[in-house]
């Protein structure tokens, strides 16, 4: 994997001049709103979709994040506040192309966001969620992998709080160790966390 910056050499320069840092809560305060939504998460749907998308190749991980994101979107649509446009922040769901070509899709989007002065609070990438084969083969316990390259420390700490509060699976700090996913495009500009399970 390489990161081709030919088309986006200025990625991050505009934001660096006016770097406004987002802040994240040190404790969770919306449990009363979140817990009812969690009841709507459908593990059977996730499992069924993962099996469908991955049945033709047992090491194919491209669809894992998509399945997770779609289920989160479906669940969030159960929030009346969000659906009515009254949520504190806008939530966007992205899918990128051109990752292997040098993060081309994510660089294009975030370069455009930067030039337009978009106020992005954070980006949470969900990649390879549910891809547990290598973890199981290694005899390790299931855990959310928090990628510690090109990340924001405060957002990672917040992600740990969320994982601890809302799941029964732990987390581990890990790293791509290379330019390994679209989160690298965002790390130049905005606070980001990259998780995988």
N, C-alpha and C. Protein backbone atom coordinates (compact mmCIF):
# COMPACT_ATOMS: atom_id res chain seq x y z
N UNK A 1 0.86 -1.18 0.00
CA UNK A 1 0.00 0.00 0.00
C UNK A 1 0.89 1.23 0.00
N UNK A 2 0.53 2.20 -0.79
CA UNK A 2 1.24 3.46 -0.81
C UNK A 2 0.22 4.58 -0.78
N UNK A 3 0.66 5.76 -0.46
CA UNK A 3 -0.24 6.92 -0.45
C UNK A 3 0.23 7.88 -1.51
N UNK A 4 -0.51 7.96 -2.59
CA UNK A 4 -0.17 8.83 -3.71
C UNK A 4 -0.70 10.23 -3.44
N UNK A 5 0.19 11.17 -3.18
CA UNK A 5 -0.25 12.53 -2.90
C UNK A 5 -0.11 13.45 -4.11
N UNK A 6 0.10 12.86 -5.27
CA UNK A 6 0.29 13.66 -6.49
C UNK A 6 -0.83 14.66 -6.70
N UNK A 7 -2.07 14.21 -6.54
CA UNK A 7 -3.23 15.08 -6.78
C UNK A 7 -3.58 15.93 -5.58
N UNK A 8 -3.06 15.61 -4.40
CA UNK A 8 -3.49 16.27 -3.17
C UNK A 8 -2.28 16.72 -2.34
N UNK A 9 -1.33 17.38 -2.97
CA UNK A 9 -0.10 17.77 -2.28
C UNK A 9 -0.34 18.76 -1.14
N UNK A 10 -1.42 19.51 -1.23
CA UNK A 10 -1.70 20.51 -0.20
C UNK A 10 -2.63 19.99 0.88
N UNK A 11 -2.95 18.71 0.87
CA UNK A 11 -3.85 18.14 1.86
C UNK A 11 -3.34 18.43 3.27
N UNK A 12 -4.11 19.17 4.01
CA UNK A 12 -3.77 19.49 5.39
C UNK A 12 -3.18 20.87 5.59
N UNK A 13 -2.72 21.55 4.56
CA UNK A 13 -2.08 22.85 4.73
C UNK A 13 -3.05 23.94 5.17
N UNK A 14 -4.23 23.97 4.58
CA UNK A 14 -5.22 24.99 4.95
C UNK A 14 -5.62 24.81 6.40
N UNK A 15 -5.96 23.59 6.78
CA UNK A 15 -6.42 23.31 8.15
C UNK A 15 -5.30 23.55 9.17
N UNK A 16 -4.06 23.29 8.80
CA UNK A 16 -2.94 23.47 9.73
C UNK A 16 -2.81 24.93 10.16
N UNK A 17 -3.19 25.84 9.29
CA UNK A 17 -3.09 27.26 9.61
C UNK A 17 -4.14 27.70 10.62
N UNK A 18 -5.26 26.98 10.69
CA UNK A 18 -6.33 27.37 11.61
C UNK A 18 -6.81 26.15 12.39
N UNK A 19 -5.85 25.32 12.78
CA UNK A 19 -6.21 24.04 13.41
C UNK A 19 -7.08 24.24 14.64
N UNK A 20 -8.35 23.98 14.45
CA UNK A 20 -9.32 24.03 15.55
C UNK A 20 -9.52 22.59 16.02
N UNK A 21 -9.22 22.33 17.26
CA UNK A 21 -9.28 20.98 17.79
C UNK A 21 -10.66 20.71 18.40
N UNK A 22 -11.21 19.56 18.08
CA UNK A 22 -12.48 19.15 18.69
C UNK A 22 -12.21 18.60 20.07
N UNK A 23 -13.21 18.67 20.91
CA UNK A 23 -13.08 18.06 22.24
C UNK A 23 -14.13 16.96 22.36
N UNK A 24 -13.83 15.98 23.18
CA UNK A 24 -14.71 14.84 23.36
C UNK A 24 -14.98 14.67 24.85
N UNK A 25 -16.17 14.20 25.19
CA UNK A 25 -16.52 14.06 26.61
C UNK A 25 -15.57 13.11 27.34
N UNK A 26 -15.33 13.42 28.59
CA UNK A 26 -14.50 12.53 29.42
C UNK A 26 -15.34 11.45 30.07
N UNK A 27 -16.67 11.65 30.07
CA UNK A 27 -17.57 10.60 30.54
C UNK A 27 -18.81 10.62 29.66
N UNK A 28 -19.46 9.49 29.60
CA UNK A 28 -20.63 9.36 28.74
C UNK A 28 -21.85 9.94 29.45
N UNK A 29 -22.68 10.65 28.68
CA UNK A 29 -23.84 11.31 29.29
C UNK A 29 -25.16 11.01 28.57
N UNK A 30 -25.12 10.31 27.48
CA UNK A 30 -26.34 10.07 26.70
C UNK A 30 -26.82 8.62 26.79
N UNK A 31 -26.47 7.94 27.87
CA UNK A 31 -26.86 6.54 27.99
C UNK A 31 -28.36 6.33 27.84
N UNK A 32 -29.16 7.25 28.38
CA UNK A 32 -30.61 7.11 28.30
C UNK A 32 -31.11 7.14 26.86
N UNK A 33 -30.38 7.81 25.97
CA UNK A 33 -30.77 7.84 24.56
C UNK A 33 -30.14 6.68 23.78
N UNK A 34 -28.95 6.27 24.18
CA UNK A 34 -28.22 5.24 23.42
C UNK A 34 -28.72 3.84 23.72
N UNK A 35 -28.92 3.50 24.99
CA UNK A 35 -29.30 2.13 25.33
C UNK A 35 -30.58 1.67 24.62
N UNK A 36 -31.63 2.51 24.52
CA UNK A 36 -32.80 2.05 23.75
C UNK A 36 -32.48 1.78 22.28
N UNK A 37 -31.58 2.55 21.69
CA UNK A 37 -31.20 2.30 20.29
C UNK A 37 -30.45 0.98 20.15
N UNK A 38 -29.62 0.65 21.14
CA UNK A 38 -28.84 -0.58 21.07
C UNK A 38 -29.74 -1.81 21.02
N UNK A 39 -30.92 -1.70 21.62
CA UNK A 39 -31.86 -2.83 21.57
C UNK A 39 -32.29 -3.12 20.14
N UNK A 40 -32.16 -2.11 19.26
CA UNK A 40 -32.56 -2.29 17.87
C UNK A 40 -31.47 -2.87 16.99
N UNK A 41 -30.23 -2.95 17.50
CA UNK A 41 -29.17 -3.60 16.73
C UNK A 41 -29.55 -5.06 16.56
N UNK A 42 -29.40 -5.54 15.38
CA UNK A 42 -29.82 -6.89 15.09
C UNK A 42 -28.60 -7.73 14.71
N UNK A 43 -28.11 -8.49 15.68
CA UNK A 43 -26.92 -9.32 15.43
C UNK A 43 -27.19 -10.38 14.37
N UNK A 44 -28.43 -10.86 14.30
CA UNK A 44 -28.76 -11.85 13.28
C UNK A 44 -28.63 -11.25 11.89
N UNK A 45 -29.08 -10.00 11.72
CA UNK A 45 -28.92 -9.31 10.43
C UNK A 45 -27.45 -9.20 10.08
N UNK A 46 -26.65 -8.75 11.04
CA UNK A 46 -25.22 -8.57 10.78
C UNK A 46 -24.60 -9.90 10.38
N UNK A 47 -24.87 -10.94 11.17
CA UNK A 47 -24.29 -12.25 10.88
C UNK A 47 -24.73 -12.74 9.50
N UNK A 48 -26.02 -12.62 9.20
CA UNK A 48 -26.54 -13.08 7.92
C UNK A 48 -25.88 -12.34 6.75
N UNK A 49 -25.77 -11.01 6.88
CA UNK A 49 -25.16 -10.22 5.81
C UNK A 49 -23.67 -10.55 5.66
N UNK A 50 -22.98 -10.72 6.80
CA UNK A 50 -21.57 -11.08 6.72
C UNK A 50 -21.38 -12.42 6.03
N UNK A 51 -22.23 -13.38 6.38
CA UNK A 51 -22.12 -14.70 5.76
C UNK A 51 -22.39 -14.61 4.26
N UNK A 52 -23.38 -13.80 3.87
CA UNK A 52 -23.71 -13.65 2.45
C UNK A 52 -22.56 -13.00 1.69
N UNK A 53 -22.06 -11.88 2.24
CA UNK A 53 -21.01 -11.14 1.54
C UNK A 53 -19.68 -11.87 1.49
N UNK A 54 -19.43 -12.72 2.47
CA UNK A 54 -18.10 -13.32 2.55
C UNK A 54 -18.07 -14.80 2.20
N UNK A 55 -19.20 -15.38 1.85
CA UNK A 55 -19.25 -16.82 1.61
C UNK A 55 -18.39 -17.27 0.43
N UNK A 56 -18.16 -16.40 -0.55
CA UNK A 56 -17.40 -16.81 -1.71
C UNK A 56 -15.89 -16.78 -1.49
N UNK A 57 -15.45 -16.24 -0.38
CA UNK A 57 -14.01 -16.21 -0.11
C UNK A 57 -13.83 -15.98 1.38
N UNK A 58 -13.30 -16.95 2.09
CA UNK A 58 -13.26 -16.85 3.54
C UNK A 58 -12.29 -15.81 4.07
N UNK A 59 -11.44 -15.24 3.25
CA UNK A 59 -10.51 -14.21 3.71
C UNK A 59 -10.88 -12.83 3.16
N UNK A 60 -12.03 -12.73 2.54
CA UNK A 60 -12.44 -11.46 1.93
C UNK A 60 -13.02 -10.56 2.99
N UNK A 61 -12.41 -9.41 3.21
CA UNK A 61 -12.84 -8.54 4.30
C UNK A 61 -13.47 -7.24 3.83
N UNK A 62 -13.57 -7.00 2.57
CA UNK A 62 -14.05 -5.71 2.07
C UNK A 62 -15.46 -5.37 2.53
N UNK A 63 -16.29 -6.35 2.71
CA UNK A 63 -17.69 -6.09 3.03
C UNK A 63 -17.95 -5.94 4.53
N UNK A 64 -17.01 -6.33 5.36
CA UNK A 64 -17.25 -6.30 6.79
C UNK A 64 -17.63 -4.90 7.30
N UNK A 65 -16.84 -3.91 6.96
CA UNK A 65 -17.14 -2.55 7.42
C UNK A 65 -18.46 -2.05 6.88
N UNK A 66 -18.77 -2.40 5.63
CA UNK A 66 -20.04 -1.97 5.02
C UNK A 66 -21.22 -2.52 5.80
N UNK A 67 -21.18 -3.80 6.15
CA UNK A 67 -22.27 -4.40 6.91
C UNK A 67 -22.43 -3.70 8.25
N UNK A 68 -21.33 -3.44 8.93
CA UNK A 68 -21.39 -2.76 10.23
C UNK A 68 -21.98 -1.36 10.09
N UNK A 69 -21.50 -0.61 9.11
CA UNK A 69 -21.97 0.77 8.91
C UNK A 69 -23.46 0.79 8.57
N UNK A 70 -23.91 -0.11 7.71
CA UNK A 70 -25.33 -0.14 7.36
C UNK A 70 -26.20 -0.47 8.56
N UNK A 71 -25.75 -1.37 9.42
CA UNK A 71 -26.54 -1.71 10.61
C UNK A 71 -26.57 -0.54 11.59
N UNK A 72 -25.45 0.17 11.72
CA UNK A 72 -25.43 1.36 12.59
C UNK A 72 -26.36 2.43 12.03
N UNK A 73 -26.33 2.64 10.72
CA UNK A 73 -27.23 3.61 10.09
C UNK A 73 -28.68 3.22 10.34
N UNK A 74 -29.03 1.95 10.13
CA UNK A 74 -30.39 1.49 10.36
C UNK A 74 -30.82 1.75 11.81
N UNK A 75 -29.91 1.50 12.73
CA UNK A 75 -30.21 1.69 14.15
C UNK A 75 -30.35 3.16 14.49
N UNK A 76 -29.44 4.00 13.98
CA UNK A 76 -29.52 5.44 14.26
C UNK A 76 -30.81 6.07 13.74
N UNK A 77 -31.35 5.50 12.68
CA UNK A 77 -32.61 6.03 12.15
C UNK A 77 -33.77 5.81 13.11
N UNK A 78 -33.52 5.05 14.18
CA UNK A 78 -34.51 4.90 15.25
C UNK A 78 -34.49 6.07 16.22
N UNK A 79 -33.54 6.98 16.06
CA UNK A 79 -33.45 8.16 16.93
C UNK A 79 -34.32 9.27 16.34
N UNK A 80 -35.41 9.61 17.03
CA UNK A 80 -36.31 10.66 16.56
C UNK A 80 -35.57 11.99 16.42
N UNK A 81 -34.71 12.29 17.37
CA UNK A 81 -33.94 13.53 17.34
C UNK A 81 -33.08 13.62 16.08
N UNK A 82 -32.42 12.54 15.75
CA UNK A 82 -31.56 12.52 14.56
C UNK A 82 -32.40 12.65 13.28
N UNK A 83 -33.46 11.89 13.19
CA UNK A 83 -34.30 11.89 11.99
C UNK A 83 -34.93 13.26 11.76
N UNK A 84 -35.28 13.96 12.85
CA UNK A 84 -35.90 15.28 12.73
C UNK A 84 -34.87 16.39 12.55
N UNK A 85 -33.59 16.03 12.46
CA UNK A 85 -32.55 17.03 12.25
C UNK A 85 -32.21 17.83 13.49
N UNK A 86 -32.50 17.29 14.66
CA UNK A 86 -32.27 18.02 15.91
C UNK A 86 -31.06 17.51 16.69
N UNK A 87 -30.29 16.61 16.08
CA UNK A 87 -29.09 16.10 16.76
C UNK A 87 -28.05 17.21 16.85
N UNK A 88 -27.20 17.12 17.86
CA UNK A 88 -26.17 18.15 18.08
C UNK A 88 -25.20 18.26 16.91
N UNK A 89 -24.90 17.14 16.28
CA UNK A 89 -23.96 17.12 15.17
C UNK A 89 -24.54 16.35 13.99
N UNK A 90 -24.05 16.64 12.81
CA UNK A 90 -24.42 15.89 11.62
C UNK A 90 -23.59 14.61 11.59
N UNK A 91 -24.21 13.53 11.20
CA UNK A 91 -23.51 12.25 11.08
C UNK A 91 -23.52 11.88 9.60
N UNK A 92 -22.35 11.58 9.06
CA UNK A 92 -22.21 11.16 7.67
C UNK A 92 -21.66 9.74 7.63
N UNK A 93 -22.07 9.01 6.62
CA UNK A 93 -21.55 7.67 6.39
C UNK A 93 -20.87 7.68 5.03
N UNK A 94 -19.62 7.24 4.99
CA UNK A 94 -18.84 7.27 3.75
C UNK A 94 -18.36 5.88 3.37
N UNK A 95 -18.29 5.66 2.06
CA UNK A 95 -17.61 4.50 1.50
C UNK A 95 -16.65 5.06 0.47
N UNK A 96 -15.43 4.60 0.45
CA UNK A 96 -14.41 5.15 -0.44
C UNK A 96 -13.98 4.10 -1.47
N UNK A 97 -13.53 4.59 -2.60
CA UNK A 97 -12.91 3.72 -3.59
C UNK A 97 -11.47 4.19 -3.79
N UNK A 98 -10.69 3.37 -4.43
CA UNK A 98 -9.32 3.76 -4.74
C UNK A 98 -8.35 3.65 -3.59
N UNK A 99 -8.68 2.86 -2.56
CA UNK A 99 -7.76 2.72 -1.42
C UNK A 99 -6.42 2.14 -1.87
N UNK A 100 -6.47 1.03 -2.60
CA UNK A 100 -5.23 0.39 -3.02
C UNK A 100 -4.47 1.23 -4.04
N UNK A 101 -5.14 2.14 -4.70
CA UNK A 101 -4.49 3.03 -5.66
C UNK A 101 -3.81 4.20 -4.99
N UNK A 102 -3.89 4.27 -3.68
CA UNK A 102 -3.25 5.36 -2.93
C UNK A 102 -4.22 6.22 -2.16
N UNK A 103 -5.27 5.61 -1.61
CA UNK A 103 -6.27 6.33 -0.80
C UNK A 103 -6.94 7.44 -1.62
N UNK A 104 -7.15 7.19 -2.88
CA UNK A 104 -7.62 8.23 -3.80
C UNK A 104 -9.00 8.77 -3.45
N UNK A 105 -9.94 7.91 -3.12
CA UNK A 105 -11.29 8.37 -2.82
C UNK A 105 -11.35 9.21 -1.55
N UNK A 106 -10.75 8.72 -0.49
CA UNK A 106 -10.79 9.46 0.78
C UNK A 106 -10.00 10.76 0.69
N UNK A 107 -8.88 10.75 -0.02
CA UNK A 107 -8.12 11.99 -0.18
C UNK A 107 -8.94 13.03 -0.95
N UNK A 108 -9.65 12.60 -1.98
CA UNK A 108 -10.46 13.53 -2.77
C UNK A 108 -11.55 14.16 -1.92
N UNK A 109 -12.24 13.34 -1.12
CA UNK A 109 -13.32 13.86 -0.30
C UNK A 109 -12.78 14.82 0.76
N UNK A 110 -11.75 14.42 1.48
CA UNK A 110 -11.29 15.26 2.58
C UNK A 110 -10.50 16.47 2.09
N UNK A 111 -9.94 16.40 0.92
CA UNK A 111 -9.33 17.58 0.33
C UNK A 111 -10.43 18.60 0.00
N UNK A 112 -11.54 18.13 -0.57
CA UNK A 112 -12.67 19.02 -0.87
C UNK A 112 -13.27 19.60 0.42
N UNK A 113 -13.38 18.78 1.46
CA UNK A 113 -13.89 19.26 2.75
C UNK A 113 -13.00 20.37 3.30
N UNK A 114 -11.70 20.14 3.22
CA UNK A 114 -10.76 21.14 3.74
C UNK A 114 -10.88 22.45 2.97
N UNK A 115 -10.90 22.38 1.66
CA UNK A 115 -11.00 23.59 0.83
C UNK A 115 -12.31 24.33 1.07
N UNK A 116 -13.37 23.60 1.37
CA UNK A 116 -14.67 24.21 1.63
C UNK A 116 -14.80 24.69 3.08
N UNK A 117 -13.80 24.40 3.91
CA UNK A 117 -13.85 24.82 5.31
C UNK A 117 -14.86 24.03 6.14
N UNK A 118 -15.13 22.78 5.75
CA UNK A 118 -16.08 21.94 6.48
C UNK A 118 -15.58 21.71 7.90
N UNK A 119 -16.47 21.86 8.87
CA UNK A 119 -16.14 21.64 10.27
C UNK A 119 -16.44 20.18 10.62
N UNK A 120 -15.42 19.35 10.52
CA UNK A 120 -15.56 17.93 10.82
C UNK A 120 -15.07 17.72 12.25
N UNK A 121 -15.94 17.21 13.11
CA UNK A 121 -15.56 16.97 14.51
C UNK A 121 -14.63 15.78 14.62
N UNK A 122 -14.96 14.72 13.89
CA UNK A 122 -14.17 13.49 14.01
C UNK A 122 -14.56 12.52 12.91
N UNK A 123 -13.70 11.53 12.71
CA UNK A 123 -13.97 10.45 11.79
C UNK A 123 -13.68 9.14 12.49
N UNK A 124 -14.61 8.24 12.44
CA UNK A 124 -14.42 6.91 13.00
C UNK A 124 -14.49 5.93 11.84
N UNK A 125 -13.39 5.29 11.54
CA UNK A 125 -13.38 4.31 10.45
C UNK A 125 -13.68 2.93 11.01
N UNK A 126 -14.58 2.25 10.35
CA UNK A 126 -14.92 0.86 10.69
C UNK A 126 -14.44 -0.01 9.54
N UNK A 127 -13.31 -0.64 9.70
CA UNK A 127 -12.74 -1.44 8.63
C UNK A 127 -12.50 -2.85 9.17
N UNK A 128 -12.85 -3.82 8.42
CA UNK A 128 -12.61 -5.23 8.77
C UNK A 128 -13.33 -5.64 10.06
N UNK A 129 -14.43 -4.96 10.37
CA UNK A 129 -15.20 -5.36 11.56
C UNK A 129 -15.76 -6.76 11.32
N UNK A 130 -15.65 -7.59 12.32
CA UNK A 130 -16.13 -8.96 12.19
C UNK A 130 -15.13 -9.91 11.57
N UNK A 131 -14.00 -9.42 11.11
CA UNK A 131 -12.96 -10.27 10.53
C UNK A 131 -12.13 -10.82 11.68
N UNK A 132 -12.54 -11.97 12.20
CA UNK A 132 -11.94 -12.50 13.42
C UNK A 132 -11.10 -13.75 13.21
N UNK A 133 -11.05 -14.23 12.00
CA UNK A 133 -10.39 -15.51 11.74
C UNK A 133 -8.96 -15.56 12.26
N UNK A 134 -8.17 -14.54 11.97
CA UNK A 134 -6.76 -14.56 12.39
C UNK A 134 -6.63 -14.45 13.91
N UNK A 135 -7.54 -13.70 14.54
CA UNK A 135 -7.53 -13.59 16.00
C UNK A 135 -7.84 -14.95 16.63
N UNK A 136 -8.87 -15.61 16.11
CA UNK A 136 -9.26 -16.92 16.62
C UNK A 136 -8.15 -17.94 16.38
N UNK A 137 -7.58 -17.92 15.16
CA UNK A 137 -6.49 -18.86 14.84
C UNK A 137 -5.29 -18.66 15.76
N UNK A 138 -5.06 -17.41 16.20
CA UNK A 138 -3.93 -17.12 17.09
C UNK A 138 -4.27 -17.42 18.55
N UNK A 139 -5.51 -17.82 18.82
CA UNK A 139 -5.92 -18.14 20.19
C UNK A 139 -6.09 -16.92 21.08
N UNK A 140 -6.29 -15.76 20.48
CA UNK A 140 -6.44 -14.53 21.26
C UNK A 140 -7.91 -14.22 21.48
N UNK A 141 -8.23 -13.49 22.56
CA UNK A 141 -9.64 -13.13 22.80
C UNK A 141 -10.10 -12.07 21.80
N UNK A 142 -11.39 -12.08 21.49
CA UNK A 142 -11.95 -11.06 20.61
C UNK A 142 -11.83 -9.70 21.26
N UNK A 143 -11.48 -8.70 20.47
CA UNK A 143 -11.34 -7.34 20.99
C UNK A 143 -11.44 -6.36 19.84
N UNK A 144 -11.89 -5.15 20.14
CA UNK A 144 -11.83 -4.08 19.17
C UNK A 144 -10.37 -3.65 19.04
N UNK A 145 -9.89 -3.57 17.83
CA UNK A 145 -8.53 -3.08 17.60
C UNK A 145 -8.58 -1.58 17.38
N UNK A 146 -7.92 -0.83 18.24
CA UNK A 146 -7.83 0.62 18.09
C UNK A 146 -6.50 0.95 17.43
N UNK A 147 -6.56 1.41 16.20
CA UNK A 147 -5.35 1.68 15.43
C UNK A 147 -4.66 2.93 15.94
N UNK A 148 -3.40 2.77 16.30
CA UNK A 148 -2.68 3.85 16.97
C UNK A 148 -1.73 4.59 16.02
N UNK A 149 -2.01 4.55 14.73
CA UNK A 149 -1.23 5.37 13.81
C UNK A 149 -2.18 6.38 13.17
N UNK A 150 -1.73 7.62 13.06
CA UNK A 150 -2.54 8.72 12.52
C UNK A 150 -3.85 8.85 13.27
N UNK A 151 -3.80 8.92 14.58
CA UNK A 151 -5.01 8.96 15.40
C UNK A 151 -5.01 10.19 16.30
N UNK A 152 -6.17 10.47 16.88
CA UNK A 152 -6.31 11.54 17.85
C UNK A 152 -6.46 10.91 19.24
N UNK A 153 -5.57 11.27 20.14
CA UNK A 153 -5.55 10.65 21.47
C UNK A 153 -6.88 10.83 22.20
N UNK A 154 -7.46 12.01 22.15
CA UNK A 154 -8.72 12.25 22.86
C UNK A 154 -9.87 11.42 22.28
N UNK A 155 -9.91 11.29 20.97
CA UNK A 155 -10.97 10.49 20.35
C UNK A 155 -10.77 9.01 20.65
N UNK A 156 -9.53 8.55 20.67
CA UNK A 156 -9.26 7.16 21.03
C UNK A 156 -9.72 6.90 22.47
N UNK A 157 -9.43 7.82 23.38
CA UNK A 157 -9.87 7.65 24.77
C UNK A 157 -11.40 7.61 24.85
N UNK A 158 -12.05 8.44 24.05
CA UNK A 158 -13.51 8.44 24.01
C UNK A 158 -14.03 7.11 23.45
N UNK A 159 -13.38 6.61 22.40
CA UNK A 159 -13.77 5.32 21.82
C UNK A 159 -13.65 4.21 22.87
N UNK A 160 -12.61 4.26 23.69
CA UNK A 160 -12.45 3.27 24.76
C UNK A 160 -13.61 3.34 25.75
N UNK A 161 -14.02 4.57 26.10
CA UNK A 161 -15.18 4.74 27.00
C UNK A 161 -16.43 4.11 26.40
N UNK A 162 -16.67 4.38 25.12
CA UNK A 162 -17.86 3.86 24.45
C UNK A 162 -17.81 2.33 24.39
N UNK A 163 -16.67 1.77 24.03
CA UNK A 163 -16.54 0.31 23.96
C UNK A 163 -16.79 -0.30 25.33
N UNK A 164 -16.17 0.27 26.37
CA UNK A 164 -16.33 -0.27 27.73
C UNK A 164 -17.77 -0.20 28.20
N UNK A 165 -18.47 0.88 27.85
CA UNK A 165 -19.84 1.08 28.33
C UNK A 165 -20.87 0.26 27.57
N UNK A 166 -20.71 0.17 26.26
CA UNK A 166 -21.79 -0.37 25.44
C UNK A 166 -21.54 -1.75 24.85
N UNK A 167 -20.38 -2.35 25.11
CA UNK A 167 -20.13 -3.69 24.57
C UNK A 167 -19.60 -4.60 25.67
N UNK A 168 -19.62 -5.87 25.40
CA UNK A 168 -19.03 -6.83 26.34
C UNK A 168 -17.74 -7.41 25.77
N UNK A 169 -17.17 -6.70 24.81
CA UNK A 169 -15.89 -7.08 24.20
C UNK A 169 -14.87 -6.01 24.56
N UNK A 170 -13.66 -6.41 24.86
CA UNK A 170 -12.62 -5.44 25.22
C UNK A 170 -12.02 -4.76 23.99
N UNK A 171 -10.93 -4.07 24.23
CA UNK A 171 -10.21 -3.38 23.14
C UNK A 171 -8.72 -3.59 23.34
N UNK A 172 -7.99 -3.48 22.26
CA UNK A 172 -6.53 -3.52 22.30
C UNK A 172 -6.00 -2.41 21.40
N UNK A 173 -4.87 -1.86 21.77
CA UNK A 173 -4.20 -0.88 20.92
C UNK A 173 -3.33 -1.64 19.93
N UNK A 174 -3.44 -1.28 18.67
CA UNK A 174 -2.67 -1.95 17.62
C UNK A 174 -2.33 -0.90 16.56
N UNK A 175 -1.75 -1.29 15.47
CA UNK A 175 -1.38 -0.32 14.43
C UNK A 175 -1.32 -0.99 13.08
N UNK A 176 -1.55 -0.21 12.05
CA UNK A 176 -1.36 -0.71 10.67
C UNK A 176 0.14 -0.82 10.40
N UNK A 177 0.90 0.14 10.90
CA UNK A 177 2.33 0.14 10.68
C UNK A 177 2.72 0.60 9.29
N UNK A 178 1.74 1.03 8.52
CA UNK A 178 1.99 1.51 7.17
C UNK A 178 0.79 2.35 6.76
N UNK A 179 0.81 2.84 5.58
CA UNK A 179 -0.31 3.60 5.06
C UNK A 179 -1.37 2.59 4.67
N UNK A 180 -2.15 2.11 5.63
CA UNK A 180 -2.95 0.94 5.40
C UNK A 180 -4.43 1.11 5.20
N UNK A 181 -4.99 2.28 5.38
CA UNK A 181 -6.41 2.41 5.19
C UNK A 181 -6.77 3.88 5.03
N UNK A 182 -8.04 4.12 4.68
CA UNK A 182 -8.47 5.48 4.37
C UNK A 182 -8.37 6.44 5.55
N UNK A 183 -8.24 5.92 6.76
CA UNK A 183 -8.09 6.81 7.91
C UNK A 183 -6.83 7.67 7.79
N UNK A 184 -5.85 7.20 7.05
CA UNK A 184 -4.62 7.97 6.90
C UNK A 184 -4.86 9.31 6.21
N UNK A 185 -5.81 9.38 5.27
CA UNK A 185 -6.14 10.64 4.61
C UNK A 185 -6.69 11.65 5.61
N UNK A 186 -7.48 11.16 6.54
CA UNK A 186 -8.15 12.03 7.50
C UNK A 186 -7.20 12.51 8.58
N UNK A 187 -6.22 11.68 8.92
CA UNK A 187 -5.29 12.02 9.99
C UNK A 187 -4.53 13.31 9.75
N UNK A 188 -4.44 13.74 8.49
CA UNK A 188 -3.79 15.01 8.18
C UNK A 188 -4.66 16.20 8.57
N UNK A 189 -5.96 15.97 8.74
CA UNK A 189 -6.91 17.08 8.82
C UNK A 189 -7.72 17.13 10.10
N UNK A 190 -8.28 16.02 10.49
CA UNK A 190 -9.29 16.01 11.54
C UNK A 190 -8.97 14.94 12.58
N UNK A 191 -9.63 15.04 13.72
CA UNK A 191 -9.48 14.03 14.75
C UNK A 191 -10.06 12.72 14.22
N UNK A 192 -9.35 11.62 14.46
CA UNK A 192 -9.83 10.37 13.94
C UNK A 192 -9.52 9.22 14.87
N UNK A 193 -10.36 8.20 14.76
CA UNK A 193 -10.12 6.91 15.41
C UNK A 193 -10.45 5.84 14.39
N UNK A 194 -9.69 4.79 14.40
CA UNK A 194 -9.88 3.67 13.47
C UNK A 194 -9.99 2.42 14.32
N UNK A 195 -11.14 1.74 14.22
CA UNK A 195 -11.33 0.52 14.99
C UNK A 195 -11.61 -0.64 14.06
N UNK A 196 -11.24 -1.79 14.52
CA UNK A 196 -11.67 -3.02 13.86
C UNK A 196 -11.87 -4.07 14.94
N UNK A 197 -12.74 -5.00 14.68
CA UNK A 197 -13.01 -6.10 15.61
C UNK A 197 -12.62 -7.37 14.94
